[in-house]
Amino acid sequence: MKTKLYIDNGQFQAGITLKTEMEPEKNNMALHACVNPNDVIENRRNLAVSLGCTLEDFVCANQTHSSNMQKVSLADKGRGAERLDTAIADTDALYTLDSNLVLCGFTADCVPVIFYNEVKGLVGVIHSGWQGTVKEITRKVFSHLQQAEQCDPADFHVQIGSSLSQERFEVDQDVYDKFKALGYADEFMYYNETTRKYHIDNQLTVKQQCELAGIPLEQIAMDTTCTYDSPSGFSYRQDKQCGRHLSFIMRK
């Protein structure tokens, strides 16, 4: 299985690609972290076929661990799909009100957030590594959508994708302090006396940000697969040369 589908309800289709030993570059989907760009493009084309669309329907961003978001439209079709220099610059969240656009996010331990709003026909993806989490990118996106797009938080459905587990995400005091400063992440952290490291649950912190944004708990799903421990996971912490998962969502 090369893809895990999270949502496939006729109107919305969303999921995450998986590391697969038999595929070129193990099914790596990232042009910014690859050996052969043509292999990545071929992997993306195969994904497009499985989704019943073409690679030209993809929209990708150059992610920078920012809290920047971008509204995209059909005019952005194909950006970043085959070339890095056409991707949406310096952006870690994409959303659209247009159908038949595949919004893409890339991760290898960071938390992918995929969401849709049935009432507005709006879909989006967020890349929230620990830096994005302490910048509260997820909370900012939903706040923006409430104000700029008149979305009701109660209408959002969120899927938090697989990422680095709390057990594997060990950090020093400086990162702990940043999470501590959020004021609501204390219960998602613990200190290991033996290693003198802090362990943080980035997923649950992001989930908390969704709840603080007003999204009903029962409309937030979470894939707790650890990208470090799973054979189908790309983990930057485990291998600095690893590929990337592609999280996607499309409204048909």
Protein backbone atom coordinates (compact mmCIF):
# COMPACT_ATOMS: atom_id res chain seq x y z
CA MET A 1 0.00 0.00 0.00
CA LYS A 2 1.54 3.29 -1.14
CA THR A 3 -1.16 5.59 0.25
CA LYS A 4 -3.29 5.72 3.38
CA LEU A 5 -6.67 7.32 2.70
CA TYR A 6 -8.06 9.23 5.66
CA ILE A 7 -11.14 10.66 3.96
CA ASP A 8 -12.97 9.35 0.89
CA ASN A 9 -16.61 10.28 1.11
CA GLY A 10 -17.45 11.12 -2.47
CA GLN A 11 -17.01 14.85 -2.00
CA PHE A 12 -13.63 15.01 -0.27
CA GLN A 13 -10.59 12.79 -0.69
CA ALA A 14 -7.60 13.05 1.65
CA GLY A 15 -4.70 10.96 2.83
CA ILE A 16 -0.97 10.55 3.15
CA THR A 17 1.57 8.69 1.03
CA LEU A 18 3.66 5.99 2.66
CA LYS A 19 7.30 4.96 2.47
CA THR A 20 7.38 1.89 0.23
CA GLU A 21 10.63 -0.03 -0.27
CA MET A 22 9.78 -1.26 -3.78
CA GLU A 23 9.09 2.19 -5.25
CA PRO A 24 11.67 4.65 -6.66
CA GLU A 25 13.32 6.45 -3.71
CA LYS A 26 10.95 4.44 -1.47
CA ASN A 27 8.00 6.51 -2.73
CA ASN A 28 9.60 9.80 -1.74
CA MET A 29 7.36 12.73 -2.78
CA ALA A 30 9.66 15.72 -2.16
CA LEU A 31 11.65 17.54 -4.81
CA HIS A 32 13.57 19.44 -2.10
CA ALA A 33 14.86 16.20 -0.52
CA CYS A 34 15.60 13.69 -3.25
CA VAL A 35 18.36 12.04 -5.27
CA ASN A 36 16.53 11.96 -8.59
CA PRO A 37 13.78 14.55 -9.25
CA ASN A 38 12.38 12.44 -12.11
CA ASP A 39 11.69 9.59 -9.69
CA VAL A 40 9.80 11.94 -7.39
CA ILE A 41 7.76 13.30 -10.29
CA GLU A 42 6.94 9.73 -11.36
CA ASN A 43 5.83 8.91 -7.80
CA ARG A 44 3.61 11.99 -7.82
CA ARG A 45 2.15 11.02 -11.20
CA ASN A 46 1.28 7.59 -9.82
CA LEU A 47 -0.44 9.23 -6.86
CA ALA A 48 -2.40 11.48 -9.23
CA VAL A 49 -3.58 8.46 -11.23
CA SER A 50 -4.75 6.75 -8.03
CA LEU A 51 -6.75 9.88 -7.16
CA GLY A 52 -8.31 10.09 -10.62
CA CYS A 53 -6.61 13.36 -11.51
CA THR A 54 -3.37 14.61 -13.07
CA LEU A 55 -0.16 16.02 -11.62
CA GLU A 56 -1.15 19.38 -13.12
CA ASP A 57 -3.94 19.52 -10.50
CA PHE A 58 -1.41 19.55 -7.63
CA VAL A 59 -0.45 22.72 -5.73
CA CYS A 60 2.70 22.61 -3.57
CA ALA A 61 4.46 25.12 -1.33
CA ASN A 62 8.08 25.70 -0.40
CA GLN A 63 7.73 25.07 3.33
CA THR A 64 9.91 27.06 5.73
CA HIS A 65 8.55 26.18 9.21
CA SER A 66 6.69 29.51 9.17
CA SER A 67 3.17 30.37 10.23
CA ASN A 68 2.40 31.71 6.74
CA MET A 69 -0.70 30.58 4.88
CA GLN A 70 -1.89 31.08 1.32
CA LYS A 71 -5.31 30.92 -0.31
CA VAL A 72 -4.95 29.25 -3.70
CA SER A 73 -7.26 28.88 -6.68
CA LEU A 74 -7.47 27.12 -10.04
CA ALA A 75 -5.06 29.79 -11.32
CA ASP A 76 -2.39 28.12 -9.14
CA LYS A 77 -2.85 24.66 -10.68
CA GLY A 78 0.45 22.88 -11.16
CA ARG A 79 2.53 25.18 -8.98
CA GLY A 80 5.42 23.21 -7.49
CA ALA A 81 4.11 19.98 -9.03
CA GLU A 82 7.12 19.37 -11.25
CA ARG A 83 9.51 22.19 -10.30
CA LEU A 84 10.53 23.73 -6.98
CA ASP A 85 10.84 27.25 -8.39
CA THR A 86 7.12 27.44 -9.24
CA ALA A 87 5.92 26.39 -5.78
CA ILE A 88 4.11 28.83 -3.46
CA ALA A 89 7.00 30.56 -1.66
CA ASP A 90 7.62 30.62 2.11
CA THR A 91 4.30 29.01 3.04
CA ASP A 92 3.30 26.21 5.41
CA ALA A 93 -0.47 26.15 4.97
CA LEU A 94 -2.63 26.13 1.85
CA TYR A 95 -6.38 26.36 1.49
CA THR A 96 -8.85 26.71 -1.36
CA LEU A 97 -12.53 27.07 -2.13
CA ASP A 98 -12.06 25.58 -5.62
CA SER A 99 -12.75 21.97 -6.51
CA ASN A 100 -10.38 19.58 -8.30
CA LEU A 101 -7.24 21.04 -6.77
CA VAL A 102 -4.94 18.69 -4.85
CA LEU A 103 -3.37 20.63 -1.98
CA CYS A 104 -0.07 19.12 -0.84
CA GLY A 105 2.00 19.18 2.34
CA PHE A 106 5.32 17.42 2.95
CA THR A 107 6.47 15.85 6.20
CA ALA A 108 9.02 13.46 7.72
CA ASP A 109 8.23 13.64 11.49
CA CYS A 110 6.40 16.99 11.43
CA VAL A 111 2.64 17.03 12.00
CA PRO A 112 0.44 17.22 8.88
CA VAL A 113 -3.02 18.73 9.40
CA ILE A 114 -5.66 18.11 6.74
CA PHE A 115 -9.08 19.73 6.97
CA TYR A 116 -12.33 20.40 5.17
CA ASN A 117 -15.45 22.48 5.69
CA GLU A 118 -18.48 20.95 4.00
CA VAL A 119 -20.63 24.06 4.37
CA LYS A 120 -18.14 26.32 2.58
CA GLY A 121 -16.64 23.65 0.32
CA LEU A 122 -13.24 24.66 1.68
CA VAL A 123 -10.22 22.36 2.05
CA GLY A 124 -6.70 22.86 3.35
CA VAL A 125 -3.39 21.40 4.50
CA ILE A 126 -1.00 22.58 7.23
CA HIS A 127 2.62 21.60 7.88
CA SER A 128 3.30 21.94 11.61
CA GLY A 129 6.77 20.94 12.71
CA TRP A 130 7.62 21.95 16.28
CA GLN A 131 8.54 25.43 15.05
CA GLY A 132 5.18 25.81 13.34
CA THR A 133 3.45 24.52 16.46
CA VAL A 134 5.09 27.06 18.77
CA LYS A 135 4.18 29.74 16.18
CA GLU A 136 0.61 28.38 16.46
CA ILE A 137 0.17 28.00 12.72
CA THR A 138 -2.87 25.71 13.06
CA ARG A 139 -4.69 28.05 15.43
CA LYS A 140 -3.85 31.02 13.18
CA VAL A 141 -5.17 29.27 10.08
CA PHE A 142 -8.54 28.52 11.65
CA SER A 143 -8.76 32.02 13.12
CA HIS A 144 -8.06 33.46 9.66
CA LEU A 145 -10.68 31.25 8.04
CA GLN A 146 -13.23 32.34 10.61
CA GLN A 147 -12.57 36.02 9.90
CA ALA A 148 -11.66 36.13 6.19
CA GLU A 149 -13.87 33.32 4.89
CA GLN A 150 -16.71 33.53 7.46
CA CYS A 151 -16.24 29.90 8.45
CA ASP A 152 -17.92 28.48 11.53
CA PRO A 153 -15.30 26.43 13.47
CA ALA A 154 -18.03 23.87 14.21
CA ASP A 155 -18.17 23.04 10.48
CA PHE A 156 -14.55 21.90 10.22
CA HIS A 157 -13.43 18.29 10.10
CA VAL A 158 -9.74 17.79 10.85
CA GLN A 159 -7.39 14.88 10.28
CA ILE A 160 -4.04 15.00 12.06
CA GLY A 161 -1.65 12.73 10.19
CA SER A 162 1.14 10.45 11.32
CA SER A 163 4.22 12.10 12.80
CA LEU A 164 7.00 11.65 15.36
CA SER A 165 5.71 10.17 18.62
CA GLN A 166 6.25 11.76 22.02
CA GLU A 167 8.60 8.93 22.98
CA ARG A 168 10.82 9.69 19.96
CA PHE A 169 10.56 13.49 20.11
CA GLU A 170 13.16 14.36 22.72
CA VAL A 171 14.39 17.94 23.05
CA ASP A 172 16.49 20.23 25.20
CA GLN A 173 15.41 23.03 27.53
CA ASP A 174 15.18 25.66 24.77
CA VAL A 175 12.44 23.84 22.84
CA TYR A 176 10.67 22.85 26.06
CA ASP A 177 10.57 26.52 27.07
CA LYS A 178 8.89 27.48 23.80
CA PHE A 179 6.15 24.87 24.28
CA LYS A 180 5.81 25.83 27.95
CA ALA A 181 5.24 29.46 26.89
CA LEU A 182 2.13 28.42 24.93
CA GLY A 183 0.38 27.97 28.28
CA TYR A 184 -1.56 24.85 27.29
CA ALA A 185 1.07 22.22 26.40
CA ASP A 186 2.21 21.19 29.91
CA GLU A 187 0.25 17.94 29.92
CA PHE A 188 1.86 16.95 26.61
CA MET A 189 5.43 17.04 27.96
CA TYR A 190 7.54 15.03 30.39
CA TYR A 191 11.16 15.05 31.55
CA ASN A 192 13.40 11.99 31.32
CA GLU A 193 15.77 12.04 34.28
CA THR A 194 18.13 9.48 32.74
CA THR A 195 18.71 11.25 29.43
CA ARG A 196 18.02 14.75 30.79
CA LYS A 197 15.77 15.37 27.81
CA TYR A 198 12.20 16.58 27.53
CA HIS A 199 9.68 14.60 25.49
CA ILE A 200 6.92 16.52 23.74
CA ASP A 201 3.76 15.31 22.05
CA ASN A 202 3.57 17.63 19.06
CA GLN A 203 0.42 15.91 17.75
CA LEU A 204 -1.58 16.46 20.93
CA THR A 205 -0.39 20.07 21.11
CA VAL A 206 -1.68 20.62 17.57
CA LYS A 207 -4.92 18.87 18.48
CA GLN A 208 -5.26 21.24 21.43
CA GLN A 209 -4.81 24.18 19.04
CA CYS A 210 -7.69 22.84 16.95
CA GLU A 211 -9.88 22.62 20.04
CA LEU A 212 -8.88 26.14 21.12
CA ALA A 213 -9.91 27.31 17.64
CA GLY A 214 -13.40 26.00 18.37
CA ILE A 215 -13.37 22.77 16.39
CA PRO A 216 -15.50 20.08 18.07
CA LEU A 217 -13.43 17.26 19.58
CA GLU A 218 -15.46 14.59 17.81
CA GLN A 219 -14.52 16.16 14.46
CA ILE A 220 -10.77 15.83 15.05
CA ALA A 221 -9.23 12.50 14.04
CA MET A 222 -5.63 11.51 14.73
CA ASP A 223 -3.30 8.96 13.14
CA THR A 224 -0.92 7.98 15.95
CA THR A 225 1.47 6.03 13.70
CA CYS A 226 5.02 7.07 14.62
CA THR A 227 7.06 8.01 11.55
CA TYR A 228 10.26 6.96 13.35
CA ASP A 229 9.08 3.50 14.41
CA SER A 230 6.87 2.54 11.47
CA PRO A 231 8.46 0.81 8.44
CA SER A 232 6.13 2.93 6.28
CA GLY A 233 7.36 6.19 7.84
CA PHE A 234 9.93 8.72 6.66
CA SER A 235 11.78 10.09 9.70
CA TYR A 236 14.21 12.99 9.45
CA ARG A 237 15.27 12.35 13.05
CA GLN A 238 16.22 8.80 12.12
CA ASP A 239 17.78 9.61 8.73
CA LYS A 240 18.71 13.14 7.62
CA GLN A 241 18.72 11.96 3.98
CA CYS A 242 15.19 10.55 4.08
CA GLY A 243 12.34 11.29 1.70
CA ARG A 244 9.02 12.92 2.55
CA HIS A 245 5.39 11.91 2.88
CA LEU A 246 2.86 13.90 0.89
CA SER A 247 -0.37 14.77 2.70
CA PHE A 248 -3.15 15.74 0.33
CA ILE A 249 -6.76 16.82 0.15
CA MET A 250 -9.06 17.53 -2.76
CA ARG A 251 -12.71 18.50 -3.13
CA LYS A 252 -14.19 16.84 -6.17
